Protein backbone atom coordinates (compact mmCIF):
# COMPACT_ATOMS: atom_id res chain seq x y z
CA MET A 1 236.19 97.00 64.16
CA GLY A 2 233.75 94.93 66.22
CA ARG A 3 231.75 93.83 63.22
CA LYS A 4 234.89 92.97 61.28
CA LEU A 5 236.07 90.79 64.17
CA ILE A 6 232.71 89.02 64.21
CA GLY A 7 232.92 88.47 60.45
CA ILE A 8 236.45 87.07 60.70
CA THR A 9 235.59 84.79 63.63
CA VAL A 10 232.42 83.39 62.08
CA GLY A 11 234.17 83.10 58.71
CA LEU A 12 236.98 81.05 60.25
CA LEU A 13 234.60 78.78 62.16
CA LEU A 14 232.52 78.26 59.04
CA THR A 15 235.67 77.50 57.04
CA ILE A 16 236.71 74.79 59.52
CA VAL A 17 233.24 73.24 59.68
CA LEU A 18 232.77 73.20 55.91
CA ALA A 19 236.30 71.89 55.35
CA PHE A 20 235.48 68.98 57.65
CA TYR A 21 232.16 68.13 56.02
CA LEU A 22 233.34 68.70 52.45
CA PHE A 23 236.37 66.43 52.85
CA PRO A 24 236.99 65.02 49.34
CA PRO A 25 236.22 61.30 48.95
CA GLN A 26 239.35 61.01 46.79
CA TYR A 27 241.41 61.35 49.99
CA ASN A 28 239.67 58.56 51.89
CA ALA A 29 241.82 55.81 50.38
CA LEU A 30 245.02 57.74 51.18
CA VAL A 31 243.91 58.42 54.74
CA SER A 32 242.99 54.76 55.35
CA TRP A 33 246.47 53.79 54.16
CA LEU A 34 248.63 56.53 55.70
CA ALA A 35 246.81 57.51 58.92
CA PRO A 36 247.99 54.42 60.90
CA PHE A 37 251.57 55.58 60.26
CA PHE A 38 251.24 59.36 60.40
CA GLY A 39 248.41 59.77 62.89
CA SER A 40 245.06 61.52 63.03
CA TRP A 41 246.60 64.87 62.05
CA LEU A 42 246.76 63.60 58.46
CA ARG A 43 243.05 64.09 57.81
CA PHE A 44 243.20 67.52 59.47
CA ALA A 45 246.10 68.59 57.22
CA PHE A 46 244.52 67.14 54.08
CA MET A 47 241.20 68.93 54.55
CA PHE A 48 242.93 72.34 54.64
CA LEU A 49 245.25 71.38 51.80
CA PHE A 50 242.17 70.68 49.70
CA ILE A 51 240.23 73.87 50.40
CA LEU A 52 243.27 76.14 50.10
CA LEU A 53 245.10 74.77 47.07
CA ALA A 54 242.61 72.79 44.97
CA ASP A 55 241.35 74.39 41.76
CA PRO A 56 237.95 75.94 42.63
CA PHE A 57 236.80 75.60 39.03
CA ALA A 58 237.64 71.90 38.93
CA TYR A 59 236.23 71.07 42.38
CA THR A 60 232.82 72.66 42.95
CA THR A 61 232.89 72.04 46.70
CA VAL A 62 235.93 74.32 47.06
CA LEU A 63 234.18 77.07 45.10
CA ILE A 64 231.01 76.69 47.17
CA LEU A 65 232.96 76.78 50.43
CA TRP A 66 234.71 80.08 49.71
CA VAL A 67 231.57 81.67 48.26
CA VAL A 68 229.56 80.77 51.37
CA VAL A 69 232.32 81.80 53.78
CA GLY A 70 232.85 85.07 51.94
CA LEU A 71 229.19 86.03 51.78
CA VAL A 72 228.55 85.19 55.44
CA ALA A 73 231.69 86.98 56.67
CA GLY A 74 230.88 90.00 54.51
CA LEU A 75 227.26 90.17 55.68
CA LEU A 76 228.34 90.10 59.32
CA ALA A 77 231.26 92.52 58.88
CA ARG A 78 229.25 94.87 56.62
CA SER A 79 232.56 95.93 55.18
CA THR A 80 233.33 96.50 51.51
CA TRP A 81 236.82 97.95 51.20
CA GLY A 82 237.89 96.08 54.31
CA SER A 83 237.10 92.81 52.51
CA ILE A 84 240.72 92.43 51.40
CA GLY A 85 242.03 92.42 54.97
CA ILE A 86 239.25 90.14 56.20
CA GLY A 87 239.82 87.69 53.37
CA ILE A 88 243.58 87.61 53.89
CA ILE A 89 243.18 86.98 57.63
CA ILE A 90 240.71 84.11 57.13
CA PHE A 91 242.87 82.56 54.40
CA ALA A 92 246.11 83.03 56.37
CA VAL A 93 244.71 81.39 59.51
CA ALA A 94 243.43 78.45 57.45
CA PHE A 95 246.92 78.17 55.92
CA LEU A 96 248.51 78.19 59.38
CA LEU A 97 246.13 75.42 60.46
CA MET A 98 247.28 73.37 57.46
CA VAL A 99 250.92 73.99 58.43
CA LEU A 100 250.10 72.96 62.00
CA GLY A 101 248.62 69.71 60.73
CA PHE A 102 251.63 68.82 58.60
CA ALA A 103 254.05 69.95 61.34
CA ASN A 104 252.45 67.48 63.76
CA ILE A 105 253.08 64.77 61.17
CA ILE A 106 256.59 65.69 60.02
CA ILE A 107 258.25 66.75 63.29
CA PRO A 108 257.62 63.49 65.21
CA MET A 109 258.64 61.47 62.15
CA VAL A 110 261.90 63.41 61.67
CA SER A 111 262.75 63.30 65.37
CA ASP A 112 262.33 59.52 65.37
CA ILE A 113 263.38 58.80 61.79
CA GLY A 114 265.51 55.81 62.74
CA SER A 115 262.57 53.81 64.02
CA PHE A 116 260.07 54.76 61.33
CA ASP A 117 258.88 51.68 59.47
CA PHE A 118 259.10 52.68 55.81
CA THR A 119 258.96 49.03 54.78
CA GLY A 120 255.76 48.55 56.76
CA LEU A 121 254.31 51.69 55.16
CA LEU A 122 254.83 50.33 51.65
CA GLY A 123 253.69 46.88 52.68
CA ALA A 124 250.47 48.22 54.17
CA ILE A 125 249.08 49.61 50.90
CA PRO A 126 245.42 48.49 50.88
CA PRO A 127 244.40 46.37 47.89
CA ASP A 128 241.79 48.96 46.92
CA VAL A 129 244.38 51.77 46.70
CA SER A 130 245.85 52.13 43.22
CA MET A 131 248.15 54.60 41.52
CA PHE A 132 245.04 55.97 39.83
CA ASP A 133 243.62 56.84 43.28
CA ILE A 134 246.82 58.69 44.21
CA LEU A 135 247.19 60.56 40.91
CA GLY A 136 243.47 61.36 40.92
CA SER A 137 243.55 62.95 44.37
CA PRO A 138 243.27 66.77 44.49
CA VAL A 139 246.51 68.75 44.90
CA ILE A 140 248.59 65.70 45.89
CA GLY A 141 247.93 63.97 42.58
CA ASP A 142 248.55 67.25 40.74
CA ILE A 143 251.96 67.68 42.39
CA ILE A 144 252.97 64.08 41.65
CA SER A 145 251.82 64.39 38.03
CA LEU A 146 253.75 67.64 37.56
CA LEU A 147 256.86 66.11 39.12
CA MET A 148 256.62 63.12 36.80
CA GLU A 149 256.23 65.42 33.80
CA ASN A 150 259.27 67.42 34.85
CA MET A 151 261.44 64.34 35.40
CA ALA A 152 262.36 64.62 31.74
CA SER A 153 264.45 67.66 32.67
CA LEU A 154 266.37 65.76 35.37
CA PRO A 155 269.57 65.41 33.27
CA ASP A 156 269.65 69.19 32.81
CA ILE A 157 269.23 69.67 36.55
CA MET A 158 272.06 67.27 37.32
CA ALA A 159 274.27 69.18 34.88
CA ASP A 160 273.30 72.57 36.29
CA PRO A 161 271.89 72.63 39.85
CA THR A 162 270.59 76.16 39.29
CA ASN A 163 267.81 74.56 37.24
CA ILE A 164 266.35 73.19 40.47
CA LEU A 165 264.56 76.51 41.00
CA SER A 166 262.86 76.27 37.61
CA LEU A 167 261.78 72.70 38.41
CA ILE A 168 260.29 73.81 41.73
CA LEU A 169 258.49 76.74 40.09
CA SER A 170 257.10 74.67 37.23
CA THR A 171 255.87 72.06 39.72
CA PHE A 172 254.30 74.25 42.36
CA MET A 173 253.30 77.39 40.45
CA PRO A 174 249.98 75.87 39.22
CA ILE A 175 249.17 74.91 42.81
CA ILE A 176 250.03 78.41 44.05
CA ILE A 177 247.84 79.91 41.32
CA ASN A 178 244.94 77.77 42.57
CA GLY A 179 245.49 79.22 46.04
CA VAL A 180 245.41 82.75 44.64
CA LYS A 181 242.14 81.93 42.82
CA ASN A 182 240.57 80.78 46.10
CA LEU A 183 241.75 83.90 47.92
CA ILE A 184 240.37 86.19 45.19
CA ILE A 185 237.01 84.38 45.26
CA LEU A 186 236.88 84.77 49.03
CA ILE A 187 237.69 88.49 48.92
CA VAL A 188 235.19 89.21 46.12
CA CYS A 189 232.42 87.36 48.00
CA ILE A 190 233.24 89.22 51.22
CA PHE A 191 232.95 92.47 49.27
CA ILE A 192 229.57 91.39 47.84
CA GLY A 193 228.38 90.24 51.26
CA GLY A 194 229.49 93.51 52.81
CA PHE A 195 227.71 95.50 50.12
CA ILE A 196 224.49 93.52 50.71
CA GLY A 197 224.90 94.02 54.46
CA ARG A 198 225.17 97.76 53.97
CA LEU A 199 222.01 97.77 51.93
CA ILE A 200 220.12 95.82 54.61
CA LYS A 201 221.23 98.05 57.45
CA LYS A 202 223.69 100.90 57.57
CA PRO A 203 226.62 99.88 59.79
CA GLU A 204 227.50 101.85 62.86
CA ASN A 205 231.19 101.85 61.90
CA THR A 206 232.61 101.57 58.39
């Protein structure tokens, strides 16, 4: 159990450090525009949104991050079949950190909604921020694009509110699938790292 705890701890720390340094440049324009209104938590939330829900096969940095984290955590834990639990814990904590980031943005805004300057937000769009920048941003742009594609079904939704569920699923299912891809990559790499660790030195506890 001790080695697994070390693997989880180091894996989490490595995830946070790499998420910070591999922050996608596509988000910089959005952060420069939105951070003055939503605070410094925005960058924190965005960096976890990117590593958790971006397509690892479209964004190489996401793939590299989870491969590195998985191999290091596996090598330290020297666990093969325990890789599923280790991977889920690392991924779940990273997800909770993302939720924490967005909660620190949304809760203050909702609690003080009457004084929030929506007009100032729209008026503060930097001249170098275009719709192309927004639609080209990982995850966020994907969600907006999918919503725009599904707007064609809006009349059907208005006629039958039960269609809202299908709209939500068709919009967010590709994003959820990306998250599952990242989790699987992490678990597989932890398994490989654990196998290599066992070959290097037989663990005291398996």
